[in-house]
Amino acid sequence: MSIATDLTRDEALSGIVDATARAVAQDPAAAQVRFAARGTSTGTVATDLEARTHRWRVDEPASLGGQDGAANPVEAALGALLACQTVTYRFWAARLDIRLDDLELETEGDLDVRGFFGLDDAVRPGFGAVRLRVRLLGPESAERYAELHRAVEEHCPVLDLFANPTPVTTTLVTGDW
């Protein structure tokens, strides 16, 4: 990516932040955003998902009853973490005026299937640990990239979902939707 393209991207992202700040200052209710997704079971354990106009599938490997037609739910969650980190790094680099030429991310999580299968109620069904690696590329000092990293750690929505309890309410519907 060229420097001009980086500046254009950063200007666009800064413009979004500025416009949002103005809208929220004028009407605090404008800060509240609702996201939604819908899923339909397909095949043995796959789910066809949609959010807004986007459609995708989540499946399991054969060893967990699926057709291995797509990433499984926990892989999708790890992917969502990486994608949100990318967005958050880009917005905060623009906001802090830190040049970020590129970034590369990796994550992995440890999951003990005894929790999911109910083989040991003392084992949680979710990840026991998640590790995230981020490589920032650009001309800034290590201190500036550490500043950016701190901002991302404090503001990444999906990292917050992984790191903190989130209240979830489930409503069971039987029969017609």
Protein backbone atom coordinates (compact mmCIF):
# COMPACT_ATOMS: atom_id res chain seq x y z
CA MET A 1 0.00 0.00 0.00
CA SER A 2 1.32 3.44 -0.83
CA ILE A 3 1.73 6.24 1.68
CA ALA A 4 -0.95 8.26 -0.17
CA THR A 5 -3.41 5.36 0.15
CA ASP A 6 -2.53 4.99 3.85
CA LEU A 7 -3.20 8.69 4.40
CA THR A 8 -6.49 8.51 2.51
CA ARG A 9 -7.55 5.49 4.59
CA ASP A 10 -6.51 7.19 7.82
CA GLU A 11 -8.31 10.41 6.85
CA ALA A 12 -11.46 8.43 6.06
CA LEU A 13 -11.30 6.58 9.39
CA SER A 14 -10.66 9.81 11.30
CA GLY A 15 -13.63 11.36 9.51
CA ILE A 16 -15.85 8.50 10.70
CA VAL A 17 -14.67 8.99 14.29
CA ASP A 18 -15.21 12.76 14.08
CA ALA A 19 -18.68 12.42 12.56
CA THR A 20 -19.66 9.87 15.19
CA ALA A 21 -18.37 12.09 18.00
CA ARG A 22 -20.43 15.02 16.65
CA ALA A 23 -23.57 12.91 16.31
CA VAL A 24 -23.22 11.50 19.82
CA ALA A 25 -22.52 14.94 21.30
CA GLN A 26 -25.73 16.19 19.67
CA ASP A 27 -27.77 13.12 20.69
CA PRO A 28 -26.27 10.61 23.18
CA ALA A 29 -28.81 7.99 22.02
CA ALA A 30 -26.95 7.93 18.68
CA ALA A 31 -24.18 5.99 20.45
CA GLN A 32 -26.42 2.95 20.83
CA VAL A 33 -26.14 0.51 17.93
CA ARG A 34 -27.82 -2.87 17.65
CA PHE A 35 -26.26 -5.64 15.59
CA ALA A 36 -28.14 -8.81 14.75
CA ALA A 37 -27.62 -12.13 13.03
CA ARG A 38 -29.91 -15.02 12.20
CA GLY A 39 -29.10 -18.69 11.78
CA THR A 40 -30.80 -21.76 10.33
CA SER A 41 -29.66 -25.30 11.00
CA THR A 42 -28.61 -27.17 7.88
CA GLY A 43 -27.15 -30.64 7.47
CA THR A 44 -26.05 -32.47 10.59
CA VAL A 45 -24.53 -29.61 12.62
CA ALA A 46 -23.93 -26.77 10.14
CA THR A 47 -25.63 -23.38 10.41
CA ASP A 48 -26.42 -20.98 7.59
CA LEU A 49 -26.02 -17.47 8.96
CA GLU A 50 -27.00 -14.03 7.80
CA ALA A 51 -26.36 -10.53 9.06
CA ARG A 52 -27.70 -7.59 7.10
CA THR A 53 -27.16 -8.73 3.47
CA HIS A 54 -24.26 -11.08 4.22
CA ARG A 55 -24.54 -14.87 4.27
CA TRP A 56 -22.08 -17.50 5.42
CA ARG A 57 -21.94 -20.98 6.87
CA VAL A 58 -20.40 -22.42 10.02
CA ASP A 59 -19.82 -26.18 10.26
CA GLU A 60 -17.81 -28.68 12.27
CA PRO A 61 -15.06 -31.05 11.16
CA ALA A 62 -16.10 -34.67 10.64
CA SER A 63 -14.61 -35.58 14.03
CA LEU A 64 -17.31 -33.39 15.63
CA GLY A 65 -20.22 -34.53 13.43
CA GLY A 66 -19.95 -32.02 10.59
CA GLN A 67 -19.11 -32.09 6.91
CA ASP A 68 -16.11 -29.76 7.38
CA GLY A 69 -17.70 -27.35 4.92
CA ALA A 70 -16.64 -24.23 6.82
CA ALA A 71 -14.89 -23.02 9.94
CA ASN A 72 -16.49 -24.22 13.16
CA PRO A 73 -18.10 -21.84 15.69
CA VAL A 74 -15.01 -21.40 17.86
CA GLU A 75 -12.82 -20.84 14.79
CA ALA A 76 -15.35 -18.25 13.62
CA ALA A 77 -15.11 -16.59 17.05
CA LEU A 78 -11.31 -16.50 16.79
CA GLY A 79 -11.65 -15.06 13.30
CA ALA A 80 -14.05 -12.42 14.61
CA LEU A 81 -11.45 -11.49 17.23
CA LEU A 82 -8.77 -11.07 14.55
CA ALA A 83 -11.06 -9.04 12.30
CA CYS A 84 -12.10 -6.76 15.15
CA GLN A 85 -8.47 -6.29 16.15
CA THR A 86 -7.69 -5.22 12.57
CA VAL A 87 -10.52 -2.67 12.57
CA THR A 88 -9.56 -1.37 16.00
CA TYR A 89 -5.85 -1.07 15.13
CA ARG A 90 -6.73 0.84 11.94
CA PHE A 91 -9.13 3.26 13.67
CA TRP A 92 -6.82 3.92 16.61
CA ALA A 93 -3.72 4.31 14.41
CA ALA A 94 -5.61 7.00 12.52
CA ARG A 95 -6.89 8.59 15.71
CA LEU A 96 -3.45 8.64 17.35
CA ASP A 97 -1.72 9.70 14.12
CA ILE A 98 0.45 6.58 14.15
CA ARG A 99 1.53 5.32 10.75
CA LEU A 100 0.64 1.68 10.40
CA ASP A 101 1.62 0.27 7.02
CA ASP A 102 0.26 -3.19 7.68
CA LEU A 103 -0.52 -5.67 10.40
CA GLU A 104 -0.60 -9.43 10.65
CA LEU A 105 -2.52 -11.33 13.29
CA GLU A 106 -2.72 -14.89 14.57
CA THR A 107 -4.75 -16.42 17.35
CA GLU A 108 -5.30 -19.80 18.87
CA GLY A 109 -7.45 -21.04 21.68
CA ASP A 110 -7.39 -24.08 23.92
CA LEU A 111 -10.70 -25.89 24.32
CA ASP A 112 -11.25 -29.01 26.40
CA VAL A 113 -14.16 -30.90 24.75
CA ARG A 114 -15.07 -32.58 28.05
CA GLY A 115 -16.99 -29.39 28.92
CA PHE A 116 -18.94 -29.31 25.63
CA PHE A 117 -19.82 -33.01 25.72
CA GLY A 118 -20.74 -32.91 29.43
CA LEU A 119 -18.06 -35.44 30.33
CA ASP A 120 -16.77 -33.32 33.22
CA ASP A 121 -18.93 -30.55 34.67
CA ALA A 122 -15.85 -28.96 36.24
CA VAL A 123 -14.49 -28.16 32.74
CA ARG A 124 -15.90 -25.06 31.07
CA PRO A 125 -17.29 -25.59 27.55
CA GLY A 126 -15.50 -22.55 26.12
CA PHE A 127 -11.88 -21.65 25.66
CA GLY A 128 -9.65 -22.10 28.69
CA ALA A 129 -7.12 -19.73 27.15
CA VAL A 130 -6.72 -17.65 24.01
CA ARG A 131 -3.42 -16.34 22.67
CA LEU A 132 -3.23 -13.48 20.22
CA ARG A 133 -0.15 -12.39 18.26
CA VAL A 134 -0.06 -9.10 16.42
CA ARG A 135 2.74 -7.90 14.17
CA LEU A 136 2.66 -4.19 13.39
CA LEU A 137 4.57 -2.97 10.35
CA GLY A 138 5.62 0.62 9.78
CA PRO A 139 8.16 3.32 10.59
CA GLU A 140 7.02 4.24 14.11
CA SER A 141 9.02 3.64 17.28
CA ALA A 142 8.33 0.68 19.54
CA GLU A 143 6.92 3.14 22.08
CA ARG A 144 4.36 4.51 19.61
CA TYR A 145 3.25 1.00 18.64
CA ALA A 146 2.99 0.10 22.34
CA GLU A 147 0.72 3.15 22.75
CA LEU A 148 -1.41 1.91 19.86
CA HIS A 149 -1.52 -1.59 21.33
CA ARG A 150 -2.73 -0.22 24.69
CA ALA A 151 -5.52 1.71 22.94
CA VAL A 152 -6.61 -1.42 21.06
CA GLU A 153 -6.57 -3.53 24.23
CA GLU A 154 -8.86 -0.96 25.87
CA HIS A 155 -11.28 -0.48 22.94
CA CYS A 156 -11.63 -3.66 20.86
CA PRO A 157 -15.27 -4.84 21.17
CA VAL A 158 -14.66 -8.52 20.40
CA LEU A 159 -11.62 -8.64 22.71
CA ASP A 160 -13.96 -7.26 25.37
CA LEU A 161 -16.39 -10.13 24.66
CA PHE A 162 -13.58 -12.65 25.19
CA ALA A 163 -12.12 -10.95 28.26
CA ASN A 164 -15.23 -9.94 30.23
CA PRO A 165 -18.55 -11.48 31.15
CA THR A 166 -21.41 -10.30 28.94
CA PRO A 167 -25.02 -10.72 30.07
CA VAL A 168 -26.88 -13.02 27.68
CA THR A 169 -30.63 -13.59 27.75
CA THR A 170 -32.05 -16.58 25.92
CA THR A 171 -35.71 -16.88 24.99
CA LEU A 172 -36.89 -20.36 24.03
CA VAL A 173 -39.58 -20.46 21.33
CA THR A 174 -41.33 -23.69 20.45
CA GLY A 175 -43.56 -24.07 17.43
CA ASP A 176 -43.93 -21.23 14.94
CA TRP A 177 -41.40 -18.40 15.01
